Amino acid sequence: MIRIVSIAALLCLLVLVLYLPSAHPPERFLAQIRSEHQAIEEIWGETPALRILDRALGLQGAAREATPVPPTASASAASGVDGAVAREMASVNQRLFGNSYFRAIDALVLLAAFRLSAMLEWLPWMAAFLVAAMADGAISRVIKSKEFLHHDPERFALYTSVAIVLACAFVVSMVVPIGVHPVVGPCVMATLGILAGRSLAQFHRRG
């Protein structure tokens, strides 16, 4: 059951992420970033909002350097055959990767980096909560084993499947260009921590 849910959720996630750049122009993603930046500035203040934006630009730059797609403006200044080949390759790259779809993908990556950067502001509090949730699940599992109580594999599968679906939905919410309140991310992470703790409490290791 868990494998089926994982495969189905990942396929839906892949289809949605590849579909969004074709359904929305790059300006839509950038407008959403500006809107959420203003919302964060109203909630947290100007300094944290600028720090989040600066971190997002750094994350996007790192993602752009890691991609195997060559830069579109890399024509060589060499002369002769090598220069002609380099200019022709730059022209091909420009036509292939400089269209609206790939520019929308770049804007989508920036939106995801911005929302991930906003999530990192909650990291100290969320890390403590996640550790506490996992510790609670581990302690509950130990107590059950000491009391000779059986672990419930159905509950383990249910908690794990719900966590997988919720995690995939959360990834989609990181890239979809609609308004997402800054508190939604931490609430989802807290829910995932609770589900992970409950799954750990029901986990049974086969001999």
N, C-alpha and C. Protein backbone atom coordinates (compact mmCIF):
# COMPACT_ATOMS: atom_id res chain seq x y z
N MET A 1 0.83 -1.21 0.00
CA MET A 1 0.00 0.00 0.00
C MET A 1 0.87 1.25 0.00
N ILE A 2 1.90 1.25 0.85
CA ILE A 2 2.77 2.43 0.95
C ILE A 2 3.48 2.67 -0.37
N ARG A 3 3.92 1.61 -1.04
CA ARG A 3 4.61 1.77 -2.33
C ARG A 3 3.67 2.33 -3.38
N ILE A 4 2.43 1.85 -3.41
CA ILE A 4 1.47 2.34 -4.39
C ILE A 4 1.18 3.82 -4.16
N VAL A 5 0.96 4.19 -2.90
CA VAL A 5 0.71 5.60 -2.59
C VAL A 5 1.91 6.46 -2.94
N SER A 6 3.11 5.97 -2.66
CA SER A 6 4.32 6.74 -2.97
C SER A 6 4.46 6.98 -4.47
N ILE A 7 4.29 5.91 -5.26
CA ILE A 7 4.44 6.03 -6.71
C ILE A 7 3.38 6.96 -7.29
N ALA A 8 2.13 6.80 -6.86
CA ALA A 8 1.05 7.64 -7.38
C ALA A 8 1.26 9.10 -7.00
N ALA A 9 1.65 9.35 -5.74
CA ALA A 9 1.86 10.74 -5.30
C ALA A 9 3.03 11.38 -6.04
N LEU A 10 4.11 10.65 -6.25
CA LEU A 10 5.27 11.20 -6.95
C LEU A 10 4.95 11.47 -8.42
N LEU A 11 4.18 10.60 -9.05
CA LEU A 11 3.79 10.83 -10.45
C LEU A 11 2.91 12.06 -10.58
N CYS A 12 1.94 12.19 -9.68
CA CYS A 12 1.09 13.39 -9.70
C CYS A 12 1.91 14.64 -9.44
N LEU A 13 2.87 14.55 -8.53
CA LEU A 13 3.74 15.69 -8.25
C LEU A 13 4.54 16.08 -9.48
N LEU A 14 5.11 15.10 -10.17
CA LEU A 14 5.91 15.39 -11.36
C LEU A 14 5.06 16.03 -12.45
N VAL A 15 3.86 15.50 -12.67
CA VAL A 15 2.99 16.05 -13.71
C VAL A 15 2.60 17.49 -13.40
N LEU A 16 2.25 17.75 -12.14
CA LEU A 16 1.82 19.10 -11.77
C LEU A 16 2.97 20.10 -11.89
N VAL A 17 4.16 19.70 -11.45
CA VAL A 17 5.30 20.62 -11.50
C VAL A 17 5.68 20.94 -12.93
N LEU A 18 5.59 19.95 -13.83
CA LEU A 18 5.90 20.19 -15.23
C LEU A 18 4.77 20.95 -15.95
N TYR A 19 3.56 20.84 -15.43
CA TYR A 19 2.42 21.50 -16.07
C TYR A 19 2.35 22.99 -15.72
N LEU A 20 2.71 23.34 -14.51
CA LEU A 20 2.55 24.73 -14.05
C LEU A 20 3.27 25.74 -14.94
N PRO A 21 4.52 25.52 -15.37
CA PRO A 21 5.17 26.52 -16.23
C PRO A 21 4.47 26.72 -17.57
N SER A 22 3.77 25.71 -18.06
CA SER A 22 3.06 25.87 -19.32
C SER A 22 1.72 26.56 -19.14
N ALA A 23 1.19 26.55 -17.93
CA ALA A 23 -0.12 27.16 -17.67
C ALA A 23 -0.02 28.59 -17.18
N HIS A 24 1.15 29.00 -16.67
CA HIS A 24 1.31 30.34 -16.11
C HIS A 24 2.56 30.99 -16.69
N PRO A 25 2.48 32.26 -17.07
CA PRO A 25 3.67 32.95 -17.59
C PRO A 25 4.64 33.28 -16.46
N PRO A 26 5.89 33.62 -16.79
CA PRO A 26 6.86 33.95 -15.72
C PRO A 26 6.42 35.11 -14.85
N GLU A 27 5.71 36.07 -15.44
CA GLU A 27 5.26 37.24 -14.67
C GLU A 27 4.32 36.85 -13.53
N ARG A 28 3.58 35.76 -13.70
CA ARG A 28 2.65 35.33 -12.64
C ARG A 28 3.42 34.87 -11.41
N PHE A 29 4.49 34.13 -11.60
CA PHE A 29 5.30 33.68 -10.46
C PHE A 29 5.99 34.86 -9.78
N LEU A 30 6.50 35.79 -10.58
CA LEU A 30 7.18 36.95 -9.99
C LEU A 30 6.20 37.83 -9.22
N ALA A 31 4.98 37.99 -9.75
CA ALA A 31 3.97 38.77 -9.04
C ALA A 31 3.61 38.11 -7.71
N GLN A 32 3.58 36.78 -7.69
CA GLN A 32 3.28 36.08 -6.44
C GLN A 32 4.41 36.27 -5.42
N ILE A 33 5.64 36.30 -5.89
CA ILE A 33 6.76 36.55 -4.98
C ILE A 33 6.66 37.93 -4.37
N ARG A 34 6.35 38.93 -5.19
CA ARG A 34 6.20 40.29 -4.66
C ARG A 34 5.07 40.36 -3.64
N SER A 35 3.96 39.69 -3.92
CA SER A 35 2.83 39.70 -2.99
C SER A 35 3.18 39.05 -1.66
N GLU A 36 3.85 37.90 -1.71
CA GLU A 36 4.20 37.22 -0.47
C GLU A 36 5.31 37.96 0.28
N HIS A 37 6.19 38.63 -0.45
CA HIS A 37 7.22 39.43 0.21
C HIS A 37 6.59 40.57 1.01
N GLN A 38 5.58 41.20 0.46
CA GLN A 38 4.88 42.25 1.18
C GLN A 38 4.16 41.70 2.41
N ALA A 39 3.55 40.50 2.26
CA ALA A 39 2.86 39.90 3.39
C ALA A 39 3.84 39.55 4.52
N ILE A 40 5.00 39.00 4.16
CA ILE A 40 6.01 38.67 5.17
C ILE A 40 6.54 39.93 5.82
N GLU A 41 6.70 40.98 5.04
CA GLU A 41 7.18 42.25 5.60
C GLU A 41 6.18 42.83 6.60
N GLU A 42 4.90 42.65 6.35
CA GLU A 42 3.89 43.13 7.30
C GLU A 42 3.86 42.29 8.57
N ILE A 43 4.15 40.99 8.45
CA ILE A 43 4.08 40.11 9.63
C ILE A 43 5.37 40.16 10.44
N TRP A 44 6.52 40.03 9.79
CA TRP A 44 7.79 39.90 10.49
C TRP A 44 8.62 41.17 10.51
N GLY A 45 8.35 42.08 9.60
CA GLY A 45 9.16 43.29 9.53
C GLY A 45 10.04 43.31 8.29
N GLU A 46 10.67 44.45 8.06
CA GLU A 46 11.46 44.63 6.83
C GLU A 46 12.74 43.81 6.84
N THR A 47 13.45 43.78 7.97
CA THR A 47 14.73 43.08 8.01
C THR A 47 14.61 41.58 7.75
N PRO A 48 13.70 40.85 8.44
CA PRO A 48 13.54 39.42 8.10
C PRO A 48 13.08 39.20 6.67
N ALA A 49 12.21 40.08 6.16
CA ALA A 49 11.72 39.91 4.79
C ALA A 49 12.86 40.05 3.78
N LEU A 50 13.74 41.04 4.00
CA LEU A 50 14.89 41.20 3.10
C LEU A 50 15.86 40.04 3.23
N ARG A 51 16.02 39.52 4.44
CA ARG A 51 16.90 38.37 4.64
C ARG A 51 16.36 37.14 3.90
N ILE A 52 15.04 36.94 3.95
CA ILE A 52 14.42 35.83 3.24
C ILE A 52 14.61 35.97 1.74
N LEU A 53 14.42 37.19 1.22
CA LEU A 53 14.58 37.42 -0.21
C LEU A 53 16.02 37.21 -0.66
N ASP A 54 16.96 37.69 0.13
CA ASP A 54 18.37 37.50 -0.21
C ASP A 54 18.75 36.02 -0.20
N ARG A 55 18.25 35.28 0.77
CA ARG A 55 18.53 33.84 0.82
C ARG A 55 17.90 33.12 -0.36
N ALA A 56 16.71 33.55 -0.77
CA ALA A 56 16.04 32.93 -1.92
C ALA A 56 16.84 33.15 -3.20
N LEU A 57 17.37 34.35 -3.38
CA LEU A 57 18.19 34.61 -4.57
C LEU A 57 19.46 33.75 -4.56
N GLY A 58 20.03 33.55 -3.39
CA GLY A 58 21.20 32.67 -3.29
C GLY A 58 20.87 31.24 -3.61
N LEU A 59 19.71 30.75 -3.15
CA LEU A 59 19.30 29.39 -3.46
C LEU A 59 19.04 29.21 -4.95
N GLN A 60 18.42 30.22 -5.57
CA GLN A 60 18.17 30.11 -7.00
C GLN A 60 19.48 30.11 -7.79
N GLY A 61 20.45 30.94 -7.35
CA GLY A 61 21.74 30.94 -8.02
C GLY A 61 22.45 29.61 -7.91
N ALA A 62 22.35 28.97 -6.73
CA ALA A 62 22.96 27.65 -6.56
C ALA A 62 22.28 26.61 -7.43
N ALA A 63 20.95 26.69 -7.54
CA ALA A 63 20.23 25.74 -8.39
C ALA A 63 20.57 25.96 -9.86
N ARG A 64 20.76 27.21 -10.25
CA ARG A 64 21.10 27.50 -11.65
C ARG A 64 22.49 26.99 -11.99
N GLU A 65 23.43 27.07 -11.04
CA GLU A 65 24.77 26.56 -11.30
C GLU A 65 24.80 25.04 -11.35
N ALA A 66 23.88 24.39 -10.62
CA ALA A 66 23.87 22.93 -10.59
C ALA A 66 23.18 22.31 -11.79
N THR A 67 22.39 23.08 -12.53
CA THR A 67 21.66 22.52 -13.65
C THR A 67 22.60 22.21 -14.81
N PRO A 68 22.33 21.13 -15.57
CA PRO A 68 23.17 20.81 -16.73
C PRO A 68 22.84 21.65 -17.95
N VAL A 69 21.80 22.48 -17.89
CA VAL A 69 21.43 23.31 -19.03
C VAL A 69 22.49 24.39 -19.23
N PRO A 70 23.07 24.54 -20.41
CA PRO A 70 24.11 25.54 -20.62
C PRO A 70 23.52 26.95 -20.63
N PRO A 71 24.30 27.98 -20.28
CA PRO A 71 23.81 29.34 -20.34
C PRO A 71 23.50 29.75 -21.77
N THR A 72 22.46 30.59 -21.93
CA THR A 72 22.02 30.97 -23.27
C THR A 72 22.86 32.07 -23.88
N ALA A 73 23.62 32.77 -23.08
CA ALA A 73 24.42 33.88 -23.59
C ALA A 73 25.89 33.57 -23.42
N SER A 74 26.36 32.50 -24.06
CA SER A 74 27.75 32.06 -23.88
C SER A 74 28.47 31.98 -25.22
N ALA A 75 28.19 32.91 -26.12
CA ALA A 75 28.85 32.92 -27.42
C ALA A 75 30.32 33.24 -27.25
N SER A 76 31.17 32.53 -27.95
CA SER A 76 32.61 32.71 -27.85
C SER A 76 33.07 33.86 -28.72
N ALA A 77 34.14 34.50 -28.31
CA ALA A 77 34.70 35.61 -29.08
C ALA A 77 35.76 35.14 -30.06
N ALA A 78 35.95 33.82 -30.17
CA ALA A 78 36.97 33.31 -31.07
C ALA A 78 36.55 33.52 -32.52
N SER A 79 37.55 33.53 -33.40
CA SER A 79 37.29 33.74 -34.82
C SER A 79 37.41 32.43 -35.56
N GLY A 80 37.04 32.43 -36.83
CA GLY A 80 37.18 31.23 -37.65
C GLY A 80 36.06 30.25 -37.41
N VAL A 81 36.39 28.98 -37.66
CA VAL A 81 35.38 27.92 -37.56
C VAL A 81 34.89 27.75 -36.13
N ASP A 82 35.83 27.81 -35.17
CA ASP A 82 35.44 27.64 -33.77
C ASP A 82 34.47 28.73 -33.34
N GLY A 83 34.75 29.96 -33.75
CA GLY A 83 33.85 31.05 -33.38
C GLY A 83 32.48 30.90 -34.01
N ALA A 84 32.43 30.46 -35.27
CA ALA A 84 31.14 30.26 -35.93
C ALA A 84 30.34 29.15 -35.26
N VAL A 85 31.02 28.06 -34.89
CA VAL A 85 30.34 26.96 -34.20
C VAL A 85 29.82 27.42 -32.84
N ALA A 86 30.64 28.19 -32.13
CA ALA A 86 30.23 28.66 -30.80
C ALA A 86 29.02 29.58 -30.90
N ARG A 87 29.05 30.48 -31.92
CA ARG A 87 27.92 31.39 -32.07
C ARG A 87 26.66 30.64 -32.47
N GLU A 88 26.81 29.62 -33.32
CA GLU A 88 25.64 28.83 -33.73
C GLU A 88 25.07 28.05 -32.54
N MET A 89 25.94 27.49 -31.70
CA MET A 89 25.47 26.77 -30.52
C MET A 89 24.78 27.71 -29.53
N ALA A 90 25.32 28.92 -29.38
CA ALA A 90 24.67 29.90 -28.51
C ALA A 90 23.30 30.27 -29.04
N SER A 91 23.19 30.38 -30.37
CA SER A 91 21.89 30.70 -30.97
C SER A 91 20.89 29.57 -30.75
N VAL A 92 21.37 28.32 -30.90
CA VAL A 92 20.49 27.18 -30.65
C VAL A 92 20.04 27.13 -29.19
N ASN A 93 20.97 27.36 -28.28
CA ASN A 93 20.63 27.38 -26.85
C ASN A 93 19.61 28.46 -26.54
N GLN A 94 19.78 29.62 -27.19
CA GLN A 94 18.86 30.72 -26.96
C GLN A 94 17.45 30.37 -27.43
N ARG A 95 17.36 29.73 -28.61
CA ARG A 95 16.04 29.36 -29.12
C ARG A 95 15.42 28.23 -28.30
N LEU A 96 16.25 27.32 -27.80
CA LEU A 96 15.73 26.16 -27.09
C LEU A 96 15.36 26.48 -25.65
N PHE A 97 16.26 27.18 -24.94
CA PHE A 97 16.05 27.41 -23.51
C PHE A 97 15.61 28.84 -23.18
N GLY A 98 15.49 29.70 -24.17
CA GLY A 98 15.08 31.06 -23.90
C GLY A 98 13.62 31.33 -24.16
N ASN A 99 12.83 30.27 -24.33
CA ASN A 99 11.40 30.47 -24.59
C ASN A 99 10.65 30.72 -23.30
N SER A 100 9.34 30.93 -23.43
CA SER A 100 8.52 31.27 -22.28
C SER A 100 8.44 30.14 -21.27
N TYR A 101 8.46 28.89 -21.74
CA TYR A 101 8.33 27.76 -20.81
C TYR A 101 9.53 27.68 -19.87
N PHE A 102 10.73 27.78 -20.42
CA PHE A 102 11.92 27.68 -19.58
C PHE A 102 12.10 28.91 -18.70
N ARG A 103 11.65 30.07 -19.17
CA ARG A 103 11.68 31.25 -18.31
C ARG A 103 10.67 31.11 -17.17
N ALA A 104 9.54 30.45 -17.45
CA ALA A 104 8.57 30.18 -16.39
C ALA A 104 9.13 29.18 -15.38
N ILE A 105 9.90 28.19 -15.86
CA ILE A 105 10.54 27.25 -14.94
C ILE A 105 11.53 27.98 -14.03
N ASP A 106 12.28 28.92 -14.60
CA ASP A 106 13.22 29.70 -13.79
C ASP A 106 12.48 30.51 -12.73
N ALA A 107 11.35 31.11 -13.12
CA ALA A 107 10.55 31.87 -12.15
C ALA A 107 9.93 30.94 -11.12
N LEU A 108 9.53 29.72 -11.54
CA LEU A 108 8.98 28.74 -10.59
C LEU A 108 10.04 28.35 -9.56
N VAL A 109 11.26 28.14 -10.01
CA VAL A 109 12.35 27.80 -9.08
C VAL A 109 12.59 28.94 -8.09
N LEU A 110 12.49 30.18 -8.57
CA LEU A 110 12.66 31.32 -7.67
C LEU A 110 11.55 31.37 -6.64
N LEU A 111 10.30 31.10 -7.05
CA LEU A 111 9.19 31.08 -6.10
C LEU A 111 9.38 29.98 -5.06
N ALA A 112 9.81 28.79 -5.51
CA ALA A 112 10.06 27.71 -4.56
C ALA A 112 11.20 28.06 -3.61
N ALA A 113 12.25 28.70 -4.13
CA ALA A 113 13.37 29.11 -3.29
C ALA A 113 12.93 30.16 -2.27
N PHE A 114 12.04 31.05 -2.68
CA PHE A 114 11.56 32.08 -1.76
C PHE A 114 10.75 31.46 -0.62
N ARG A 115 9.86 30.54 -0.96
CA ARG A 115 9.05 29.91 0.08
C ARG A 115 9.89 29.00 0.96
N LEU A 116 10.87 28.32 0.38
CA LEU A 116 11.77 27.51 1.20
C LEU A 116 12.60 28.39 2.12
N SER A 117 13.02 29.54 1.62
CA SER A 117 13.76 30.48 2.46
C SER A 117 12.92 30.97 3.62
N ALA A 118 11.62 31.21 3.35
CA ALA A 118 10.73 31.62 4.44
C ALA A 118 10.56 30.50 5.46
N MET A 119 10.56 29.24 4.99
CA MET A 119 10.46 28.12 5.91
C MET A 119 11.68 28.01 6.80
N LEU A 120 12.84 28.37 6.27
CA LEU A 120 14.06 28.29 7.06
C LEU A 120 14.06 29.24 8.25
N GLU A 121 13.25 30.29 8.18
CA GLU A 121 13.13 31.20 9.33
C GLU A 121 12.49 30.50 10.52
N TRP A 122 11.67 29.48 10.24
CA TRP A 122 11.03 28.73 11.32
C TRP A 122 11.86 27.54 11.78
N LEU A 123 13.02 27.32 11.18
CA LEU A 123 13.79 26.11 11.42
C LEU A 123 14.12 25.85 12.89
N PRO A 124 14.58 26.84 13.67
CA PRO A 124 14.91 26.53 15.08
C PRO A 124 13.73 25.98 15.86
N TRP A 125 12.54 26.58 15.69
CA TRP A 125 11.36 26.11 16.43
C TRP A 125 10.87 24.79 15.86
N MET A 126 10.86 24.66 14.53
CA MET A 126 10.35 23.44 13.91
C MET A 126 11.26 22.26 14.20
N ALA A 127 12.56 22.48 14.24
CA ALA A 127 13.49 21.38 14.54
C ALA A 127 13.23 20.82 15.93
N ALA A 128 13.03 21.70 16.90
CA ALA A 128 12.75 21.25 18.26
C ALA A 128 11.44 20.47 18.32
N PHE A 129 10.42 20.95 17.59
CA PHE A 129 9.13 20.24 17.60
C PHE A 129 9.24 18.88 16.93
N LEU A 130 9.96 18.81 15.79
CA LEU A 130 10.10 17.53 15.08
C LEU A 130 10.86 16.52 15.92
N VAL A 131 11.92 16.97 16.60
CA VAL A 131 12.68 16.06 17.47
C VAL A 131 11.80 15.55 18.60
N ALA A 132 10.98 16.44 19.17
CA ALA A 132 10.08 16.02 20.26
C ALA A 132 9.04 15.01 19.75
N ALA A 133 8.49 15.24 18.55
CA ALA A 133 7.49 14.32 18.00
C ALA A 133 8.10 12.95 17.72
N MET A 134 9.32 12.91 17.15
CA MET A 134 9.97 11.63 16.89
C MET A 134 10.35 10.94 18.19
N ALA A 135 10.80 11.69 19.18
CA ALA A 135 11.13 11.10 20.48
C ALA A 135 9.89 10.51 21.14
N ASP A 136 8.77 11.21 21.02
CA ASP A 136 7.52 10.69 21.59
C ASP A 136 7.13 9.38 20.93
N GLY A 137 7.25 9.32 19.59
CA GLY A 137 6.94 8.07 18.90
C GLY A 137 7.86 6.94 19.30
N ALA A 138 9.16 7.23 19.43
CA ALA A 138 10.12 6.20 19.81
C ALA A 138 9.85 5.69 21.22
N ILE A 139 9.53 6.60 22.15
CA ILE A 139 9.25 6.19 23.53
C ILE A 139 7.97 5.35 23.58
N SER A 140 6.95 5.77 22.79
CA SER A 140 5.71 4.98 22.77
C SER A 140 5.96 3.58 22.23
N ARG A 141 6.84 3.46 21.25
CA ARG A 141 7.16 2.15 20.69
C ARG A 141 7.87 1.27 21.72
N VAL A 142 8.79 1.87 22.48
CA VAL A 142 9.51 1.11 23.51
C VAL A 142 8.55 0.66 24.61
N ILE A 143 7.64 1.56 25.01
CA ILE A 143 6.68 1.21 26.06
C ILE A 143 5.80 0.05 25.61
N LYS A 144 5.35 0.08 24.35
CA LYS A 144 4.52 -1.02 23.84
C LYS A 144 5.28 -2.34 23.85
N SER A 145 6.54 -2.29 23.46
CA SER A 145 7.32 -3.53 23.45
C SER A 145 7.54 -4.06 24.86
N LYS A 146 7.71 -3.18 25.85
CA LYS A 146 7.89 -3.61 27.23
C LYS A 146 6.61 -4.19 27.81
N GLU A 147 5.46 -3.68 27.38
CA GLU A 147 4.18 -4.17 27.88
C GLU A 147 3.63 -5.32 27.04
N PHE A 148 4.44 -5.80 26.06
CA PHE A 148 4.06 -6.91 25.19
C PHE A 148 2.78 -6.60 24.41
N LEU A 149 2.62 -5.33 23.99
CA LEU A 149 1.49 -4.94 23.15
C LEU A 149 1.92 -5.02 21.69
N HIS A 150 0.98 -5.43 20.85
CA HIS A 150 1.28 -5.59 19.43
C HIS A 150 1.23 -4.23 18.73
N HIS A 151 2.18 -4.04 17.83
CA HIS A 151 2.14 -2.86 16.98
C HIS A 151 1.11 -3.07 15.87
N ASP A 152 0.49 -1.99 15.45
CA ASP A 152 -0.59 -2.06 14.47
C ASP A 152 -0.05 -1.72 13.08
N PRO A 153 0.16 -2.70 12.20
CA PRO A 153 0.70 -2.39 10.87
C PRO A 153 -0.27 -1.58 10.02
N GLU A 154 -1.59 -1.73 10.25
CA GLU A 154 -2.56 -0.93 9.49
C GLU A 154 -2.42 0.55 9.82
N ARG A 155 -2.25 0.85 11.10
CA ARG A 155 -2.06 2.25 11.48
C ARG A 155 -0.73 2.79 10.94
N PHE A 156 0.30 1.95 10.98
CA PHE A 156 1.58 2.38 10.43
C PHE A 156 1.45 2.72 8.95
N ALA A 157 0.77 1.86 8.19
CA ALA A 157 0.57 2.13 6.76
C ALA A 157 -0.28 3.38 6.55
N LEU A 158 -1.30 3.55 7.38
CA LEU A 158 -2.18 4.72 7.24
C LEU A 158 -1.42 6.01 7.52
N TYR A 159 -0.69 6.07 8.65
CA TYR A 159 0.06 7.28 8.99
C TYR A 159 1.12 7.59 7.94
N THR A 160 1.82 6.55 7.48
CA THR A 160 2.87 6.76 6.49
C THR A 160 2.30 7.24 5.17
N SER A 161 1.18 6.65 4.74
CA SER A 161 0.57 7.05 3.47
C SER A 161 0.06 8.49 3.53
N VAL A 162 -0.58 8.84 4.62
CA VAL A 162 -1.06 10.23 4.78
C VAL A 162 0.12 11.19 4.79
N ALA A 163 1.22 10.82 5.44
CA ALA A 163 2.41 11.68 5.47
C ALA A 163 2.99 11.86 4.07
N ILE A 164 3.01 10.79 3.27
CA ILE A 164 3.55 10.89 1.90
C ILE A 164 2.69 11.81 1.05
N VAL A 165 1.37 11.62 1.12
CA VAL A 165 0.46 12.47 0.34
C VAL A 165 0.57 13.92 0.77
N LEU A 166 0.63 14.15 2.09
CA LEU A 166 0.74 15.51 2.59
C LEU A 166 2.06 16.15 2.19
N ALA A 167 3.14 15.37 2.20
CA ALA A 167 4.44 15.90 1.80
C ALA A 167 4.44 16.30 0.33
N CYS A 168 3.84 15.46 -0.53
CA CYS A 168 3.77 15.80 -1.95
C CYS A 168 2.88 17.03 -2.18
N ALA A 169 1.78 17.11 -1.46
CA ALA A 169 0.92 18.29 -1.57
C ALA A 169 1.65 19.54 -1.10
N PHE A 170 2.48 19.38 -0.09
CA PHE A 170 3.26 20.52 0.40
C PHE A 170 4.28 20.99 -0.64
N VAL A 171 4.91 20.04 -1.32
CA VAL A 171 5.85 20.40 -2.38
C VAL A 171 5.13 21.16 -3.50
N VAL A 172 3.93 20.70 -3.86
CA VAL A 172 3.16 21.40 -4.89
C VAL A 172 2.81 22.81 -4.42
N SER A 173 2.45 22.95 -3.15
CA SER A 173 2.12 24.28 -2.64
C SER A 173 3.33 25.22 -2.64
N MET A 174 4.54 24.65 -2.68
CA MET A 174 5.74 25.49 -2.72
C MET A 174 5.96 26.12 -4.09
N VAL A 175 5.36 25.55 -5.14
CA VAL A 175 5.61 26.04 -6.49
C VAL A 175 4.36 26.59 -7.18
N VAL A 176 3.17 26.33 -6.65
CA VAL A 176 1.96 26.81 -7.31
C VAL A 176 1.83 28.31 -7.09
N PRO A 177 1.54 29.09 -8.13
CA PRO A 177 1.50 30.55 -7.99
C PRO A 177 0.17 31.07 -7.48
N ILE A 178 -0.23 30.64 -6.30
CA ILE A 178 -1.41 31.17 -5.64
C ILE A 178 -1.00 31.61 -4.24
N GLY A 179 -1.84 32.41 -3.62
CA GLY A 179 -1.51 32.93 -2.31
C GLY A 179 -1.45 31.84 -1.25
N VAL A 180 -0.34 31.74 -0.57
CA VAL A 180 -0.15 30.78 0.53
C VAL A 180 0.29 31.56 1.75
N HIS A 181 -0.48 31.46 2.83
CA HIS A 181 -0.14 32.20 4.05
C HIS A 181 1.19 31.70 4.62
N PRO A 182 2.03 32.59 5.16
CA PRO A 182 3.33 32.15 5.69
C PRO A 182 3.24 31.12 6.81
N VAL A 183 2.09 31.01 7.48
CA VAL A 183 1.96 30.06 8.59
C VAL A 183 1.61 28.66 8.11
N VAL A 184 1.18 28.53 6.85
CA VAL A 184 0.77 27.22 6.34
C VAL A 184 1.94 26.24 6.35
N GLY A 185 3.11 26.69 5.92
CA GLY A 185 4.28 25.82 5.88
C GLY A 185 4.63 25.22 7.23
N PRO A 186 4.79 26.02 8.28
CA PRO A 186 5.08 25.44 9.60
C PRO A 186 3.99 24.51 10.11
N CYS A 187 2.72 24.81 9.80
CA CYS A 187 1.64 23.91 10.23
C CYS A 187 1.75 22.56 9.54
N VAL A 188 2.08 22.58 8.25
CA VAL A 188 2.24 21.32 7.51
C VAL A 188 3.42 20.54 8.07
N MET A 189 4.53 21.23 8.33
CA MET A 189 5.70 20.54 8.88
C MET A 189 5.39 19.95 10.25
N ALA A 190 4.62 20.66 11.07
CA ALA A 190 4.25 20.12 12.38
C ALA A 190 3.38 18.88 12.22
N THR A 191 2.45 18.92 11.27
CA THR A 191 1.60 17.75 11.03
C THR A 191 2.42 16.57 10.54
N LEU A 192 3.38 16.82 9.65
CA LEU A 192 4.25 15.74 9.19
C LEU A 192 5.07 15.16 10.34
N GLY A 193 5.52 16.01 11.26
CA GLY A 193 6.26 15.51 12.41
C GLY A 193 5.39 14.62 13.29
N ILE A 194 4.14 15.02 13.49
CA ILE A 194 3.23 14.19 14.30
C ILE A 194 2.96 12.86 13.62
N LEU A 195 2.72 12.89 12.31
CA LEU A 195 2.48 11.64 11.57
C LEU A 195 3.70 10.73 11.60
N ALA A 196 4.89 11.33 11.46
CA ALA A 196 6.11 10.52 11.51
C ALA A 196 6.29 9.89 12.89
N GLY A 197 5.98 10.65 13.94
CA GLY A 197 6.07 10.09 15.28
C GLY A 197 5.10 8.96 15.52
N ARG A 198 3.85 9.13 15.02
CA ARG A 198 2.86 8.06 15.16
C ARG A 198 3.25 6.84 14.34
N SER A 199 3.83 7.06 13.16
CA SER A 199 4.29 5.92 12.35
C SER A 199 5.40 5.16 13.06
N LEU A 200 6.33 5.91 13.66
CA LEU A 200 7.41 5.26 14.40
C LEU A 200 6.88 4.47 15.58
N ALA A 201 5.84 4.97 16.22
CA ALA A 201 5.28 4.27 17.38
C ALA A 201 4.65 2.94 16.96
N GLN A 202 4.16 2.83 15.72
CA GLN A 202 3.52 1.61 15.26
C GLN A 202 4.44 0.74 14.40
N PHE A 203 5.70 1.16 14.24
CA PHE A 203 6.61 0.42 13.38
C PHE A 203 7.00 -0.90 14.03
N HIS A 204 6.95 -1.96 13.21
CA HIS A 204 7.33 -3.29 13.70
C HIS A 204 8.44 -3.83 12.82
N ARG A 205 9.57 -4.10 13.42
CA ARG A 205 10.71 -4.65 12.69
C ARG A 205 10.58 -6.15 12.58
N ARG A 206 10.58 -6.61 11.36
CA ARG A 206 10.47 -8.05 11.14
C ARG A 206 11.78 -8.74 11.44
N GLY A 207 11.67 -9.88 12.06
CA GLY A 207 12.86 -10.63 12.39
C GLY A 207 13.45 -11.36 11.20
